[in-house]
Structures are given as C-alpha cells and as structure tokens.
Amino acid sequence: MSEGEVAVLIVAIIFAFVSFSTYLSYRSKALRYSVDSMEKSLAEENEKLLSKTSELERRIQVLESIVTSKDFKLSEEIEALK
C-alpha cells in the first residue's frame, strides 16, 4: 500500500469511528427520552387505575351496606310472602 492509501484508510477509520460514536450517542439519548416518556405514561395510567379502584371499592361498600341493611331484608321477606 502506498502512503496515500494508508492516509485515506486512516481518515476513513477515524471518520467511521466518529460517525458511529455520534450515532450511539443519538440512540442512547433517544432511548432515554423514550423511557422517560413511557415512565410518565405508566405513572399516569397507574394513577387512573388507583382512582378507579378506590371508586369501585366505595361503590362496593355502598352496595354491601344496602344488602346488609334491615330495610332491605324486610323488603325481601315481604316480596317472598307475595
């Protein structure tokens, strides 16, 4: 190989290394942003589900209180007599 070819090869290797390094930096930033975005989305979804669960628990408590109340039992007994 001549000196010119060696110089071109060295420049090409350096260019490839810098390009690859820049590409890896870009990908890691993109992945970091993606993870942050997904984390925020999952946190919001978790809050929604916790809120929904609390609401459903309150509704179940109300239904349990209705079913276990004396008035409900009395009306059930009256309906059974008909």
Protein backbone atom coordinates (compact mmCIF):
# COMPACT_ATOMS: atom_id res chain seq x y z
CA MET A 1 0.00 0.00 0.00
CA SER A 2 1.20 3.45 -0.77
CA GLU A 3 1.41 6.30 1.70
CA GLY A 4 -1.62 7.94 0.10
CA GLU A 5 -3.76 4.83 0.54
CA VAL A 6 -2.68 4.47 4.17
CA ALA A 7 -3.58 8.13 4.84
CA VAL A 8 -7.01 7.69 3.21
CA LEU A 9 -7.58 4.49 5.20
CA ILE A 10 -6.68 6.23 8.48
CA VAL A 11 -9.01 9.15 7.70
CA ALA A 12 -11.80 6.70 6.77
CA ILE A 13 -11.33 4.77 10.03
CA ILE A 14 -11.41 7.99 12.07
CA PHE A 15 -14.48 9.21 10.18
CA ALA A 16 -16.24 5.87 10.74
CA PHE A 17 -15.39 5.91 14.45
CA VAL A 18 -16.66 9.48 14.91
CA SER A 19 -19.82 8.72 12.94
CA PHE A 20 -20.50 5.56 14.91
CA SER A 21 -19.85 7.36 18.20
CA THR A 22 -22.28 10.13 17.23
CA TYR A 23 -24.87 7.55 16.19
CA LEU A 24 -24.57 5.71 19.52
CA SER A 25 -24.91 8.99 21.42
CA TYR A 26 -28.05 9.84 19.44
CA ARG A 27 -29.56 6.39 20.04
CA SER A 28 -28.86 6.48 23.76
CA LYS A 29 -30.50 9.92 24.06
CA ALA A 30 -33.49 8.72 22.04
CA LEU A 31 -33.86 5.63 24.22
CA ARG A 32 -33.52 7.70 27.39
CA TYR A 33 -36.25 10.05 26.15
CA SER A 34 -38.41 7.09 25.20
CA VAL A 35 -38.01 5.52 28.64
CA ASP A 36 -38.79 8.82 30.39
CA SER A 37 -41.87 9.26 28.24
CA MET A 38 -43.01 5.70 28.88
CA GLU A 39 -42.37 6.05 32.60
CA LYS A 40 -44.52 9.18 32.73
CA SER A 41 -47.27 7.46 30.75
CA LEU A 42 -47.21 4.43 33.04
CA ALA A 43 -47.34 6.66 36.12
CA GLU A 44 -50.41 8.43 34.75
CA GLU A 45 -52.06 5.11 33.92
CA ASN A 46 -51.27 3.85 37.42
CA GLU A 47 -52.90 6.92 38.97
CA LYS A 48 -56.02 6.39 36.84
CA LEU A 49 -56.24 2.74 37.87
CA LEU A 50 -55.77 3.57 41.56
CA SER A 51 -58.52 6.17 41.33
CA LYS A 52 -60.84 3.73 39.55
CA THR A 53 -60.10 1.04 42.14
CA SER A 54 -60.91 3.43 45.00
CA GLU A 55 -64.16 4.43 43.32
CA LEU A 56 -65.18 0.80 42.82
CA GLU A 57 -64.32 -0.05 46.43
CA ARG A 58 -66.57 2.80 47.62
CA ARG A 59 -69.39 1.54 45.40
CA ILE A 60 -69.00 -1.99 46.75
CA GLN A 61 -69.15 -0.67 50.32
CA VAL A 62 -72.40 1.15 49.50
CA LEU A 63 -73.86 -1.99 47.93
CA GLU A 64 -72.81 -4.07 50.92
CA SER A 65 -74.42 -1.61 53.29
CA ILE A 66 -77.65 -1.73 51.26
CA VAL A 67 -77.72 -5.52 51.14
CA THR A 68 -76.98 -5.91 54.83
CA SER A 69 -79.44 -3.24 55.99
CA LYS A 70 -82.60 -4.28 57.85
CA ASP A 71 -84.86 -2.43 55.42
CA PHE A 72 -83.54 -4.48 52.52
CA LYS A 73 -84.04 -7.73 54.43
CA LEU A 74 -87.58 -6.69 55.37
CA SER A 75 -88.48 -5.84 51.79
CA GLU A 76 -87.01 -9.19 50.65
CA GLU A 77 -89.15 -11.02 53.21
CA ILE A 78 -92.26 -9.10 52.11
CA GLU A 79 -91.55 -9.96 48.46
CA ALA A 80 -91.13 -13.62 49.43
CA LEU A 81 -94.56 -13.63 51.07
CA LYS A 82 -96.32 -12.41 47.91
